[in-house]
Amino acid sequence: MQPKKKLRNGTLTPQEKKEDWCLSSIRVRIEHVIGDIKRYRIIHDIIRFSCSEFRDTVMETCCELHNFRVGRTPAVG
């Protein structure tokens, strides 16, 4: 989702400002989690393995390690 942009020489309504604020607060948390996951070097560097299942497994494992580190329960499904 993208935030609303104000028109040239215009302003956003209070409702649009509130929606943008809510969106940005969610996006900040997501960006912090992505940054924490990139702490694992295998995610930070380029994976030169051609199998996409391997890449998915690596990402899933790093996400589970992140959840374990911060004390969250893993998502089931």
PDB file of N, CA and C in Angstrom:
ATOM      1  N   MET A   1       0.835  -1.170   0.000  1.00  0.00           N
ATOM      2  CA  MET A   1       0.000   0.000   0.000  1.00  0.00           C
ATOM      3  C   MET A   1       0.889   1.246   0.000  1.00  0.00           C
ATOM      4  N   GLN A   2       0.481   2.225  -0.714  1.00  0.00           N
ATOM      5  CA  GLN A   2       1.224   3.468  -0.822  1.00  0.00           C
ATOM      6  C   GLN A   2       0.483   4.587  -0.081  1.00  0.00           C
ATOM      7  N   PRO A   3       1.231   5.501   0.530  1.00  0.00           N
ATOM      8  CA  PRO A   3       0.568   6.636   1.185  1.00  0.00           C
ATOM      9  C   PRO A   3      -0.010   7.598   0.168  1.00  0.00           C
ATOM     10  N   LYS A   4      -0.960   8.393   0.603  1.00  0.00           N
ATOM     11  CA  LYS A   4      -1.566   9.412  -0.262  1.00  0.00           C
ATOM     12  C   LYS A   4      -0.588  10.556  -0.459  1.00  0.00           C
ATOM     13  N   LYS A   5      -0.582  11.133  -1.639  1.00  0.00           N
ATOM     14  CA  LYS A   5       0.239  12.309  -1.909  1.00  0.00           C
ATOM     15  C   LYS A   5      -0.676  13.527  -1.992  1.00  0.00           C
ATOM     16  N   LYS A   6      -0.175  14.614  -1.452  1.00  0.00           N
ATOM     17  CA  LYS A   6      -0.975  15.832  -1.567  1.00  0.00           C
ATOM     18  C   LYS A   6      -0.819  16.408  -2.970  1.00  0.00           C
ATOM     19  N   LEU A   7      -1.835  17.064  -3.434  1.00  0.00           N
ATOM     20  CA  LEU A   7      -1.783  17.708  -4.735  1.00  0.00           C
ATOM     21  C   LEU A   7      -0.922  18.956  -4.651  1.00  0.00           C
ATOM     22  N   ARG A   8      -0.460  19.419  -5.796  1.00  0.00           N
ATOM     23  CA  ARG A   8       0.351  20.635  -5.822  1.00  0.00           C
ATOM     24  C   ARG A   8      -0.461  21.792  -5.232  1.00  0.00           C
ATOM     25  N   ASN A   9       0.149  22.508  -4.314  1.00  0.00           N
ATOM     26  CA  ASN A   9      -0.496  23.635  -3.620  1.00  0.00           C
ATOM     27  C   ASN A   9      -1.765  23.204  -2.875  1.00  0.00           C
ATOM     28  N   GLY A  10      -1.814  21.964  -2.459  1.00  0.00           N
ATOM     29  CA  GLY A  10      -2.978  21.475  -1.724  1.00  0.00           C
ATOM     30  C   GLY A  10      -2.544  20.862  -0.399  1.00  0.00           C
ATOM     31  N   THR A  11      -3.510  20.351   0.324  1.00  0.00           N
ATOM     32  CA  THR A  11      -3.229  19.681   1.585  1.00  0.00           C
ATOM     33  C   THR A  11      -4.041  18.399   1.639  1.00  0.00           C
ATOM     34  N   LEU A  12      -3.643  17.537   2.534  1.00  0.00           N
ATOM     35  CA  LEU A  12      -4.393  16.315   2.773  1.00  0.00           C
ATOM     36  C   LEU A  12      -5.452  16.569   3.838  1.00  0.00           C
ATOM     37  N   THR A  13      -6.541  15.844   3.736  1.00  0.00           N
ATOM     38  CA  THR A  13      -7.572  15.948   4.762  1.00  0.00           C
ATOM     39  C   THR A  13      -7.075  15.283   6.038  1.00  0.00           C
ATOM     40  N   PRO A  14      -7.660  15.612   7.172  1.00  0.00           N
ATOM     41  CA  PRO A  14      -7.242  14.954   8.420  1.00  0.00           C
ATOM     42  C   PRO A  14      -7.395  13.433   8.363  1.00  0.00           C
ATOM     43  N   GLN A  15      -8.419  12.952   7.664  1.00  0.00           N
ATOM     44  CA  GLN A  15      -8.613  11.507   7.528  1.00  0.00           C
ATOM     45  C   GLN A  15      -7.469  10.885   6.727  1.00  0.00           C
ATOM     46  N   GLU A  16      -7.049  11.539   5.641  1.00  0.00           N
ATOM     47  CA  GLU A  16      -5.949  11.031   4.826  1.00  0.00           C
ATOM     48  C   GLU A  16      -4.628  11.064   5.600  1.00  0.00           C
ATOM     49  N   LYS A  17      -4.438  12.095   6.415  1.00  0.00           N
ATOM     50  CA  LYS A  17      -3.234  12.175   7.240  1.00  0.00           C
ATOM     51  C   LYS A  17      -3.200  11.035   8.251  1.00  0.00           C
ATOM     52  N   LYS A  18      -4.349  10.730   8.844  1.00  0.00           N
ATOM     53  CA  LYS A  18      -4.418   9.644   9.819  1.00  0.00           C
ATOM     54  C   LYS A  18      -4.135   8.304   9.152  1.00  0.00           C
ATOM     55  N   GLU A  19      -4.682   8.092   7.952  1.00  0.00           N
ATOM     56  CA  GLU A  19      -4.432   6.856   7.214  1.00  0.00           C
ATOM     57  C   GLU A  19      -2.948   6.723   6.878  1.00  0.00           C
ATOM     58  N   ASP A  20      -2.320   7.818   6.444  1.00  0.00           N
ATOM     59  CA  ASP A  20      -0.890   7.799   6.139  1.00  0.00           C
ATOM     60  C   ASP A  20      -0.065   7.485   7.376  1.00  0.00           C
ATOM     61  N   TRP A  21      -0.450   8.052   8.514  1.00  0.00           N
ATOM     62  CA  TRP A  21       0.264   7.797   9.753  1.00  0.00           C
ATOM     63  C   TRP A  21       0.170   6.326  10.140  1.00  0.00           C
ATOM     64  N   CYS A  22      -1.026   5.743  10.030  1.00  0.00           N
ATOM     65  CA  CYS A  22      -1.209   4.323  10.357  1.00  0.00           C
ATOM     66  C   CYS A  22      -0.382   3.447   9.423  1.00  0.00           C
ATOM     67  N   LEU A  23      -0.416   3.782   8.144  1.00  0.00           N
ATOM     68  CA  LEU A  23       0.362   3.024   7.167  1.00  0.00           C
ATOM     69  C   LEU A  23       1.851   3.109   7.464  1.00  0.00           C
ATOM     70  N   SER A  24       2.343   4.286   7.775  1.00  0.00           N
ATOM     71  CA  SER A  24       3.778   4.444   8.016  1.00  0.00           C
ATOM     72  C   SER A  24       4.208   3.721   9.287  1.00  0.00           C
ATOM     73  N   SER A  25       3.359   3.684  10.298  1.00  0.00           N
ATOM     74  CA  SER A  25       3.732   2.987  11.528  1.00  0.00           C
ATOM     75  C   SER A  25       3.833   1.479  11.287  1.00  0.00           C
ATOM     76  N   ILE A  26       2.991   0.938  10.430  1.00  0.00           N
ATOM     77  CA  ILE A  26       3.069  -0.479  10.081  1.00  0.00           C
ATOM     78  C   ILE A  26       4.322  -0.744   9.249  1.00  0.00           C
ATOM     79  N   ARG A  27       4.588   0.135   8.281  1.00  0.00           N
ATOM     80  CA  ARG A  27       5.738  -0.044   7.399  1.00  0.00           C
ATOM     81  C   ARG A  27       7.055   0.030   8.165  1.00  0.00           C
ATOM     82  N   VAL A  28       7.145   0.868   9.182  1.00  0.00           N
ATOM     83  CA  VAL A  28       8.367   0.975   9.971  1.00  0.00           C
ATOM     84  C   VAL A  28       8.662  -0.344  10.666  1.00  0.00           C
ATOM     85  N   ARG A  29       7.647  -0.943  11.259  1.00  0.00           N
ATOM     86  CA  ARG A  29       7.855  -2.228  11.937  1.00  0.00           C
ATOM     87  C   ARG A  29       8.303  -3.299  10.955  1.00  0.00           C
ATOM     88  N   ILE A  30       7.693  -3.316   9.774  1.00  0.00           N
ATOM     89  CA  ILE A  30       8.067  -4.304   8.763  1.00  0.00           C
ATOM     90  C   ILE A  30       9.511  -4.094   8.313  1.00  0.00           C
ATOM     91  N   GLU A  31       9.903  -2.851   8.083  1.00  0.00           N
ATOM     92  CA  GLU A  31      11.277  -2.561   7.660  1.00  0.00           C
ATOM     93  C   GLU A  31      12.280  -2.967   8.733  1.00  0.00           C
ATOM     94  N   HIS A  32      11.941  -2.783  10.002  1.00  0.00           N
ATOM     95  CA  HIS A  32      12.842  -3.192  11.070  1.00  0.00           C
ATOM     96  C   HIS A  32      13.007  -4.710  11.102  1.00  0.00           C
ATOM     97  N   VAL A  33      11.932  -5.444  10.889  1.00  0.00           N
ATOM     98  CA  VAL A  33      12.020  -6.908  10.874  1.00  0.00           C
ATOM     99  C   VAL A  33      12.861  -7.373   9.689  1.00  0.00           C
ATOM    100  N   ILE A  34      12.663  -6.770   8.522  1.00  0.00           N
ATOM    101  CA  ILE A  34      13.466  -7.140   7.351  1.00  0.00           C
ATOM    102  C   ILE A  34      14.940  -6.861   7.624  1.00  0.00           C
ATOM    103  N   GLY A  35      15.251  -5.742   8.245  1.00  0.00           N
ATOM    104  CA  GLY A  35      16.629  -5.431   8.605  1.00  0.00           C
ATOM    105  C   GLY A  35      17.202  -6.434   9.588  1.00  0.00           C
ATOM    106  N   ASP A  36      16.388  -6.867  10.568  1.00  0.00           N
ATOM    107  CA  ASP A  36      16.849  -7.866  11.533  1.00  0.00           C
ATOM    108  C   ASP A  36      17.120  -9.201  10.858  1.00  0.00           C
ATOM    109  N   ILE A  37      16.293  -9.566   9.897  1.00  0.00           N
ATOM    110  CA  ILE A  37      16.489 -10.843   9.204  1.00  0.00           C
ATOM    111  C   ILE A  37      17.763 -10.797   8.358  1.00  0.00           C
ATOM    112  N   LYS A  38      18.080  -9.626   7.799  1.00  0.00           N
ATOM    113  CA  LYS A  38      19.290  -9.498   6.986  1.00  0.00           C
ATOM    114  C   LYS A  38      20.559  -9.571   7.823  1.00  0.00           C
ATOM    115  N   ARG A  39      20.412  -9.632   9.127  1.00  0.00           N
ATOM    116  CA  ARG A  39      21.567  -9.800  10.012  1.00  0.00           C
ATOM    117  C   ARG A  39      22.251 -11.134   9.719  1.00  0.00           C
ATOM    118  N   TYR A  40      21.486 -12.113   9.263  1.00  0.00           N
ATOM    119  CA  TYR A  40      22.055 -13.398   8.887  1.00  0.00           C
ATOM    120  C   TYR A  40      22.697 -13.233   7.515  1.00  0.00           C
ATOM    121  N   ARG A  41      23.968 -13.491   7.440  1.00  0.00           N
ATOM    122  CA  ARG A  41      24.733 -13.159   6.241  1.00  0.00           C
ATOM    123  C   ARG A  41      24.231 -13.899   5.001  1.00  0.00           C
ATOM    124  N   ILE A  42      23.689 -15.080   5.163  1.00  0.00           N
ATOM    125  CA  ILE A  42      23.226 -15.839   3.997  1.00  0.00           C
ATOM    126  C   ILE A  42      22.083 -15.106   3.291  1.00  0.00           C
ATOM    127  N   ILE A  43      21.324 -14.306   4.021  1.00  0.00           N
ATOM    128  CA  ILE A  43      20.255 -13.504   3.411  1.00  0.00           C
ATOM    129  C   ILE A  43      20.821 -12.204   2.857  1.00  0.00           C
ATOM    130  N   HIS A  44      21.788 -11.650   3.565  1.00  0.00           N
ATOM    131  CA  HIS A  44      22.366 -10.362   3.161  1.00  0.00           C
ATOM    132  C   HIS A  44      23.116 -10.472   1.839  1.00  0.00           C
ATOM    133  N   ASP A  45      23.828 -11.577   1.642  1.00  0.00           N
ATOM    134  CA  ASP A  45      24.597 -11.779   0.416  1.00  0.00           C
ATOM    135  C   ASP A  45      23.727 -12.421  -0.665  1.00  0.00           C
ATOM    136  N   ILE A  46      24.249 -12.450  -1.873  1.00  0.00           N
ATOM    137  CA  ILE A  46      23.530 -13.060  -2.999  1.00  0.00           C
ATOM    138  C   ILE A  46      23.656 -14.578  -2.905  1.00  0.00           C
ATOM    139  N   ILE A  47      22.527 -15.263  -2.989  1.00  0.00           N
ATOM    140  CA  ILE A  47      22.537 -16.723  -2.990  1.00  0.00           C
ATOM    141  C   ILE A  47      22.733 -17.175  -4.433  1.00  0.00           C
ATOM    142  N   ARG A  48      23.829 -17.833  -4.714  1.00  0.00           N
ATOM    143  CA  ARG A  48      24.165 -18.231  -6.077  1.00  0.00           C
ATOM    144  C   ARG A  48      23.759 -19.671  -6.348  1.00  0.00           C
ATOM    145  N   PHE A  49      22.697 -20.094  -5.724  1.00  0.00           N
ATOM    146  CA  PHE A  49      22.199 -21.444  -5.926  1.00  0.00           C
ATOM    147  C   PHE A  49      20.943 -21.324  -6.773  1.00  0.00           C
ATOM    148  N   SER A  50      20.857 -22.102  -7.847  1.00  0.00           N
ATOM    149  CA  SER A  50      19.782 -21.894  -8.820  1.00  0.00           C
ATOM    150  C   SER A  50      18.415 -22.415  -8.372  1.00  0.00           C
ATOM    151  N   CYS A  51      18.387 -23.292  -7.400  1.00  0.00           N
ATOM    152  CA  CYS A  51      17.121 -23.895  -6.973  1.00  0.00           C
ATOM    153  C   CYS A  51      16.331 -22.897  -6.108  1.00  0.00           C
ATOM    154  N   SER A  52      15.140 -22.531  -6.560  1.00  0.00           N
ATOM    155  CA  SER A  52      14.345 -21.558  -5.806  1.00  0.00           C
ATOM    156  C   SER A  52      13.818 -22.151  -4.499  1.00  0.00           C
ATOM    157  N   GLU A  53      13.649 -23.473  -4.444  1.00  0.00           N
ATOM    158  CA  GLU A  53      13.201 -24.096  -3.196  1.00  0.00           C
ATOM    159  C   GLU A  53      14.251 -23.914  -2.104  1.00  0.00           C
ATOM    160  N   PHE A  54      15.526 -23.953  -2.475  1.00  0.00           N
ATOM    161  CA  PHE A  54      16.598 -23.740  -1.503  1.00  0.00           C
ATOM    162  C   PHE A  54      16.537 -22.324  -0.955  1.00  0.00           C
ATOM    163  N   ARG A  55      16.329 -21.346  -1.836  1.00  0.00           N
ATOM    164  CA  ARG A  55      16.233 -19.955  -1.400  1.00  0.00           C
ATOM    165  C   ARG A  55      15.058 -19.766  -0.444  1.00  0.00           C
ATOM    166  N   ASP A  56      13.921 -20.391  -0.775  1.00  0.00           N
ATOM    167  CA  ASP A  56      12.751 -20.294   0.100  1.00  0.00           C
ATOM    168  C   ASP A  56      13.033 -20.919   1.459  1.00  0.00           C
ATOM    169  N   THR A  57      13.725 -22.058   1.464  1.00  0.00           N
ATOM    170  CA  THR A  57      14.052 -22.734   2.714  1.00  0.00           C
ATOM    171  C   THR A  57      14.992 -21.889   3.556  1.00  0.00           C
ATOM    172  N   VAL A  58      15.974 -21.263   2.912  1.00  0.00           N
ATOM    173  CA  VAL A  58      16.911 -20.401   3.637  1.00  0.00           C
ATOM    174  C   VAL A  58      16.166 -19.227   4.264  1.00  0.00           C
ATOM    175  N   MET A  59      15.293 -18.588   3.501  1.00  0.00           N
ATOM    176  CA  MET A  59      14.548 -17.439   4.026  1.00  0.00           C
ATOM    177  C   MET A  59      13.630 -17.860   5.161  1.00  0.00           C
ATOM    178  N   GLU A  60      12.959 -18.989   4.995  1.00  0.00           N
ATOM    179  CA  GLU A  60      12.067 -19.479   6.041  1.00  0.00           C
ATOM    180  C   GLU A  60      12.846 -19.784   7.319  1.00  0.00           C
ATOM    181  N   THR A  61      14.012 -20.394   7.174  1.00  0.00           N
ATOM    182  CA  THR A  61      14.839 -20.719   8.339  1.00  0.00           C
ATOM    183  C   THR A  61      15.307 -19.458   9.052  1.00  0.00           C
ATOM    184  N   CYS A  62      15.730 -18.459   8.279  1.00  0.00           N
ATOM    185  CA  CYS A  62      16.174 -17.206   8.899  1.00  0.00           C
ATOM    186  C   CYS A  62      15.018 -16.488   9.587  1.00  0.00           C
ATOM    187  N   CYS A  63      13.831 -16.545   9.021  1.00  0.00           N
ATOM    188  CA  CYS A  63      12.661 -15.944   9.671  1.00  0.00           C
ATOM    189  C   CYS A  63      12.344 -16.660  10.981  1.00  0.00           C
ATOM    190  N   GLU A  64      12.457 -17.988  10.980  1.00  0.00           N
ATOM    191  CA  GLU A  64      12.215 -18.742  12.205  1.00  0.00           C
ATOM    192  C   GLU A  64      13.277 -18.430  13.257  1.00  0.00           C
ATOM    193  N   LEU A  65      14.530 -18.271  12.825  1.00  0.00           N
ATOM    194  CA  LEU A  65      15.583 -17.889  13.764  1.00  0.00           C
ATOM    195  C   LEU A  65      15.319 -16.504  14.356  1.00  0.00           C
ATOM    196  N   HIS A  66      14.850 -15.592  13.532  1.00  0.00           N
ATOM    197  CA  HIS A  66      14.514 -14.251  14.028  1.00  0.00           C
ATOM    198  C   HIS A  66      13.394 -14.336  15.062  1.00  0.00           C
ATOM    199  N   ASN A  67      12.339 -15.094  14.744  1.00  0.00           N
ATOM    200  CA  ASN A  67      11.231 -15.233  15.684  1.00  0.00           C
ATOM    201  C   ASN A  67      11.692 -15.876  16.989  1.00  0.00           C
ATOM    202  N   PHE A  68      12.587 -16.847  16.901  1.00  0.00           N
ATOM    203  CA  PHE A  68      13.118 -17.486  18.100  1.00  0.00           C
ATOM    204  C   PHE A  68      13.927 -16.487  18.923  1.00  0.00           C
ATOM    205  N   ARG A  69      14.719 -15.659  18.234  1.00  0.00           N
ATOM    206  CA  ARG A  69      15.572 -14.694  18.910  1.00  0.00           C
ATOM    207  C   ARG A  69      14.762 -13.644  19.654  1.00  0.00           C
ATOM    208  N   VAL A  70      13.661 -13.191  19.056  1.00  0.00           N
ATOM    209  CA  VAL A  70      12.868 -12.150  19.715  1.00  0.00           C
ATOM    210  C   VAL A  70      11.766 -12.730  20.596  1.00  0.00           C
ATOM    211  N   GLY A  71      11.656 -14.045  20.638  1.00  0.00           N
ATOM    212  CA  GLY A  71      10.715 -14.690  21.558  1.00  0.00           C
ATOM    213  C   GLY A  71       9.303 -14.816  21.048  1.00  0.00           C
ATOM    214  N   ARG A  72       9.122 -14.746  19.753  1.00  0.00           N
ATOM    215  CA  ARG A  72       7.773 -14.906  19.185  1.00  0.00           C
ATOM    216  C   ARG A  72       7.545 -16.358  18.829  1.00  0.00           C
ATOM    217  N   THR A  73       6.282 -16.749  18.835  1.00  0.00           N
ATOM    218  CA  THR A  73       5.962 -18.104  18.403  1.00  0.00           C
ATOM    219  C   THR A  73       5.886 -18.145  16.883  1.00  0.00           C
ATOM    220  N   PRO A  74       6.363 -19.220  16.251  1.00  0.00           N
ATOM    221  CA  PRO A  74       6.340 -19.297  14.791  1.00  0.00           C
ATOM    222  C   PRO A  74       4.909 -19.391  14.266  1.00  0.00           C
ATOM    223  N   ALA A  75       4.702 -18.858  13.079  1.00  0.00           N
ATOM    224  CA  ALA A  75       3.387 -18.914  12.449  1.00  0.00           C
ATOM    225  C   ALA A  75       3.132 -20.319  11.949  1.00  0.00           C
ATOM    226  N   VAL A  76       1.935 -20.819  12.176  1.00  0.00           N
ATOM    227  CA  VAL A  76       1.565 -22.163  11.739  1.00  0.00           C
ATOM    228  C   VAL A  76       0.828 -22.037  10.415  1.00  0.00           C
ATOM    229  N   GLY A  77       1.182 -22.844   9.465  1.00  0.00           N
ATOM    230  CA  GLY A  77       0.431 -22.778   8.231  1.00  0.00           C
ATOM    231  C   GLY A  77       1.293 -22.941   7.093  1.00  0.00           C
TER     232      GLY A  77
END
